[in-house]
Structures are given as C-alpha cells and as structure tokens.
Protein backbone atom coordinates (compact mmCIF):
# COMPACT_ATOMS: atom_id res chain seq x y z
CA UNK A 1 -38.35 -6.82 -30.11
CA UNK A 2 -37.13 -7.06 -33.70
CA UNK A 3 -34.62 -9.77 -34.59
CA UNK A 4 -30.95 -8.72 -34.24
CA UNK A 5 -28.96 -7.58 -37.26
CA UNK A 6 -25.30 -7.98 -38.11
CA UNK A 7 -22.93 -5.23 -39.34
CA UNK A 8 -24.42 -5.32 -42.85
CA UNK A 9 -27.96 -5.12 -41.53
CA UNK A 10 -28.74 -8.76 -42.32
CA UNK A 11 -31.19 -10.25 -39.85
CA UNK A 12 -29.71 -13.03 -37.74
CA UNK A 13 -32.32 -15.66 -36.99
CA UNK A 14 -31.98 -18.67 -34.71
CA UNK A 15 -28.55 -17.85 -33.27
CA UNK A 16 -27.86 -19.35 -29.83
CA UNK A 17 -27.45 -17.35 -26.65
CA UNK A 18 -24.05 -17.10 -24.94
CA UNK A 19 -24.16 -15.47 -21.50
CA UNK A 20 -27.27 -13.52 -22.46
CA UNK A 21 -25.82 -12.31 -25.78
CA UNK A 22 -26.46 -13.73 -29.19
CA UNK A 23 -23.59 -15.83 -30.48
CA UNK A 24 -22.30 -14.46 -33.76
CA UNK A 25 -21.69 -16.47 -36.92
CA UNK A 26 -18.02 -17.33 -37.61
CA UNK A 27 -17.61 -14.60 -40.27
CA UNK A 28 -18.77 -11.95 -37.78
CA UNK A 29 -16.50 -13.38 -35.08
CA UNK A 30 -13.50 -13.19 -37.43
CA UNK A 31 -14.36 -9.61 -38.43
CA UNK A 32 -14.68 -8.59 -34.77
CA UNK A 33 -11.36 -10.26 -33.93
CA UNK A 34 -9.57 -8.36 -36.72
CA UNK A 35 -11.18 -5.09 -35.64
CA UNK A 36 -10.25 -5.67 -32.00
CA UNK A 37 -6.67 -6.43 -32.95
CA UNK A 38 -6.48 -3.23 -35.02
CA UNK A 39 -8.02 -1.16 -32.21
CA UNK A 40 -5.92 -2.59 -29.42
CA UNK A 41 -2.82 -3.06 -31.55
CA UNK A 42 -2.47 -6.59 -30.24
CA UNK A 43 -0.41 -7.72 -33.21
CA UNK A 44 3.33 -7.43 -32.74
CA UNK A 45 3.95 -5.51 -35.95
CA UNK A 46 1.99 -2.57 -34.51
CA UNK A 47 3.70 -2.50 -31.10
CA UNK A 48 7.29 -2.34 -29.94
CA UNK A 49 8.52 -5.85 -29.30
CA UNK A 50 11.30 -6.88 -26.90
CA UNK A 51 14.57 -8.17 -28.30
CA UNK A 52 17.50 -10.11 -26.86
CA UNK A 53 16.56 -12.76 -24.30
CA UNK A 54 12.77 -12.87 -24.22
CA UNK A 55 10.10 -15.19 -22.83
CA UNK A 56 7.43 -16.67 -25.05
CA UNK A 57 4.02 -17.80 -23.84
CA UNK A 58 2.07 -20.05 -26.19
CA UNK A 59 -1.39 -21.48 -25.67
CA UNK A 60 -3.54 -23.87 -27.65
CA UNK A 61 -7.16 -24.84 -27.07
CA UNK A 62 -7.54 -28.52 -26.22
CA UNK A 63 -10.31 -30.17 -28.22
CA UNK A 64 -11.08 -27.20 -30.47
CA UNK A 65 -11.82 -29.44 -33.46
CA UNK A 66 -14.33 -31.38 -31.35
CA UNK A 67 -15.83 -28.08 -30.18
CA UNK A 68 -16.33 -26.92 -33.79
CA UNK A 69 -17.82 -30.28 -34.76
CA UNK A 70 -20.10 -30.80 -31.75
CA UNK A 71 -21.01 -27.21 -30.81
CA UNK A 72 -20.58 -25.21 -34.01
CA UNK A 73 -23.47 -23.04 -32.81
CA UNK A 74 -21.27 -21.73 -29.96
CA UNK A 75 -17.68 -22.37 -31.06
CA UNK A 76 -17.07 -18.98 -32.69
CA UNK A 77 -18.34 -16.94 -29.75
CA UNK A 78 -16.65 -19.16 -27.16
CA UNK A 79 -13.27 -18.98 -28.90
CA UNK A 80 -13.62 -15.23 -29.36
CA UNK A 81 -14.14 -14.91 -25.59
CA UNK A 82 -11.11 -17.13 -24.96
CA UNK A 83 -8.95 -14.88 -27.18
CA UNK A 84 -10.23 -11.72 -25.47
CA UNK A 85 -9.39 -13.13 -22.01
CA UNK A 86 -5.88 -14.06 -23.09
CA UNK A 87 -5.22 -10.74 -24.85
CA UNK A 88 -6.33 -8.81 -21.77
CA UNK A 89 -4.22 -10.85 -19.33
CA UNK A 90 -1.13 -10.75 -21.54
CA UNK A 91 -1.44 -6.96 -21.79
CA UNK A 92 -2.02 -6.58 -18.03
CA UNK A 93 1.15 -8.53 -17.31
CA UNK A 94 3.28 -6.41 -19.63
CA UNK A 95 3.37 -8.77 -22.58
CA UNK A 96 2.47 -8.40 -26.22
CA UNK A 97 0.19 -10.71 -28.15
CA UNK A 98 2.21 -11.38 -31.30
CA UNK A 99 -0.45 -13.53 -32.96
CA UNK A 100 -3.90 -14.41 -31.77
CA UNK A 101 -3.87 -17.40 -34.08
CA UNK A 102 -0.85 -19.43 -34.97
CA UNK A 103 -2.11 -22.84 -35.92
CA UNK A 104 -5.59 -23.94 -34.89
CA UNK A 105 -6.91 -21.87 -32.00
CA UNK A 106 -3.59 -20.91 -30.47
CA UNK A 107 -1.97 -17.73 -29.20
CA UNK A 108 1.65 -16.56 -29.21
CA UNK A 109 2.79 -13.83 -26.80
CA UNK A 110 6.15 -12.37 -25.80
CA UNK A 111 7.42 -10.84 -22.57
CA UNK A 112 10.67 -9.16 -21.58
CA UNK A 113 10.34 -10.61 -18.06
CA UNK A 114 9.98 -14.36 -17.45
CA UNK A 115 8.19 -13.87 -14.13
CA UNK A 116 5.51 -11.71 -15.75
CA UNK A 117 5.03 -14.34 -18.46
CA UNK A 118 4.62 -17.06 -15.83
CA UNK A 119 2.13 -14.96 -13.88
CA UNK A 120 0.17 -14.34 -17.09
CA UNK A 121 0.16 -18.07 -17.91
CA UNK A 122 -1.18 -18.99 -14.48
CA UNK A 123 -3.79 -16.20 -14.56
CA UNK A 124 -4.92 -17.29 -18.02
CA UNK A 125 -5.56 -20.82 -16.73
CA UNK A 126 -7.43 -19.48 -13.69
CA UNK A 127 -9.54 -17.10 -15.78
CA UNK A 128 -10.49 -19.85 -18.22
CA UNK A 129 -11.46 -22.15 -15.33
CA UNK A 130 -13.60 -19.42 -13.71
CA UNK A 131 -15.36 -18.45 -16.94
CA UNK A 132 -18.99 -19.68 -17.03
CA UNK A 133 -18.72 -21.54 -20.35
CA UNK A 134 -21.87 -23.04 -21.87
CA UNK A 135 -22.31 -26.75 -21.20
CA UNK A 136 -20.36 -28.76 -23.74
CA UNK A 137 -18.33 -25.73 -24.82
CA UNK A 138 -15.84 -25.42 -21.99
CA UNK A 139 -12.43 -24.08 -23.01
CA UNK A 140 -9.20 -25.48 -21.61
CA UNK A 141 -5.78 -24.62 -22.97
CA UNK A 142 -2.33 -26.14 -22.93
CA UNK A 143 0.27 -23.46 -22.18
CA UNK A 144 4.05 -23.30 -22.36
CA UNK A 145 6.65 -20.71 -21.45
CA UNK A 146 10.12 -20.64 -22.97
CA UNK A 147 12.93 -18.15 -22.32
CA UNK A 148 15.69 -17.67 -24.86
CA UNK A 149 17.00 -15.74 -27.84
CA UNK A 150 14.99 -15.30 -31.01
CA UNK A 151 15.27 -13.32 -34.20
CA UNK A 152 12.73 -10.51 -34.55
CA UNK A 153 11.72 -9.85 -38.15
CA UNK A 154 8.71 -7.93 -39.50
CA UNK A 155 6.79 -8.09 -36.22
CA UNK A 156 7.32 -11.79 -35.64
CA UNK A 157 9.87 -14.06 -33.95
CA UNK A 158 11.91 -16.80 -35.63
CA UNK A 159 14.47 -19.34 -34.53
CA UNK A 160 14.77 -22.14 -32.00
CA UNK A 161 13.00 -20.26 -29.17
CA UNK A 162 9.51 -20.13 -30.68
CA UNK A 163 9.92 -23.64 -32.10
CA UNK A 164 10.94 -25.07 -28.73
CA UNK A 165 8.09 -23.26 -27.00
CA UNK A 166 5.61 -24.80 -29.45
CA UNK A 167 7.02 -28.28 -28.82
CA UNK A 168 6.93 -27.71 -25.07
CA UNK A 169 3.27 -26.64 -25.33
CA UNK A 170 2.46 -29.98 -26.96
CA UNK A 171 3.65 -31.75 -23.78
CA UNK A 172 1.28 -29.80 -21.51
CA UNK A 173 -2.06 -31.15 -20.37
CA UNK A 174 -5.21 -28.99 -20.67
CA UNK A 175 -5.21 -26.54 -17.76
CA UNK A 176 -1.45 -26.82 -17.27
CA UNK A 177 1.41 -24.34 -17.80
CA UNK A 178 4.81 -25.90 -18.44
CA UNK A 179 8.13 -24.10 -18.74
CA UNK A 180 11.70 -24.84 -19.76
CA UNK A 181 14.65 -24.93 -17.38
CA UNK A 182 15.88 -21.48 -18.41
CA UNK A 183 12.50 -20.00 -17.46
CA UNK A 184 12.34 -21.95 -14.18
CA UNK A 185 15.82 -20.64 -13.26
CA UNK A 186 14.62 -17.05 -13.74
CA UNK A 187 11.59 -17.69 -11.52
CA UNK A 188 13.59 -19.12 -8.62
CA UNK A 189 13.30 -16.95 -5.52
CA UNK A 190 10.92 -14.45 -7.14
CA UNK A 191 7.47 -13.79 -5.79
CA UNK A 192 4.38 -14.78 -7.72
CA UNK A 193 4.89 -18.20 -9.33
CA UNK A 194 6.86 -21.17 -8.06
CA UNK A 195 7.70 -23.87 -10.60
CA UNK A 196 7.21 -27.54 -9.70
CA UNK A 197 9.54 -30.14 -11.20
CA UNK A 198 7.55 -32.70 -13.17
C-alpha cells in the first residue's frame, strides 16, 4: 500500500504505530484537537455553562514532560487519546469541558452537580487505567474536584474556586481523585461515589 498522507497530502514516512493506527505528528494532533473541539463544542464559550455554586474537575498528566522527552514518537497521539477519553466522559456525566489545555497537558471541566463530577473523575481514572497504552507511554493523571462559587466571564471561570481546585490537584497522586470538604459534603449519602478521608 502507498505511504499514508496528512491533510495537506504530504507523505508521512516512518511514523510509529499506536493501536494499529499511525501516530500523527504534533502539528496534526493539534489541528485534530482544534477541529474536534469545534465540532463537539467542547469549549465553554460555545456551550451554556452553569453559574452559581458549581463543581470543577481538573486533571493533569503526571510525567508529561518525560513522555515528550522519552517517547516523542508517541506523545502527541497518546495525549490526544487521553483528551478524547476525558472529553467523552465529562460529556456523558453532564459536564462541560471548559478547556482541554490549561497549563501543560491538563483539562478543566465544570459540572452543576458535584456527584456527577465525582463520578466523572472516578470513571476517567478507570478508563485511563484500562486503556492499552504503548509501553513507556502510559498516561496517569492527577485529578481534583472543588465545589464553590466562581465568576463566569467570556466562557471561562475566575476566582478562588478554580484556583483552589488547581492547588488541590497538585496534592493528588497519579491515578487519584481528591476533593475538597464542600464537595465531600455534597456526596455524603448519595449513590455512586463515596469519599474517603485522607
């Protein structure tokens, strides 16, 4: 068969395989991500966002710099798959992906319901653990959930809530979902996810 071509028709030679598909170069991965976000309207500015007391879910890939340095041949495709899994699970649990990239390889989502956010966080961790990642390119994320008020402006959230969620995420270990006390209080007695005091 002829060598594969990218969107411009350029022949792509020597690209690695990822689950039977050719891994795309980073520029193609970024273009696909932007197109997917436009198609699915993942970005908050294009979708109605909740206001008042909301619950934020933030994730960040552990070791993404190492992944880019040691497996640059797979990093773009692997991180694109990670973003697709998260976007799908956030949407299925009634949330909205506000940004697929904050800093580094992170995501920032918002939910009206804390329980749905917690369920999404747990399902994201499970999905990432089940995913058959290539050897040396496994993806694990730190995740945090924070419930509180925030200011909505131009399709994005500002104020202490998002900042506290980001700090809380920094305390999580890869594969872990941590939440604040206000989120844990909303989860008490509800089916689905039971918080454990650390």
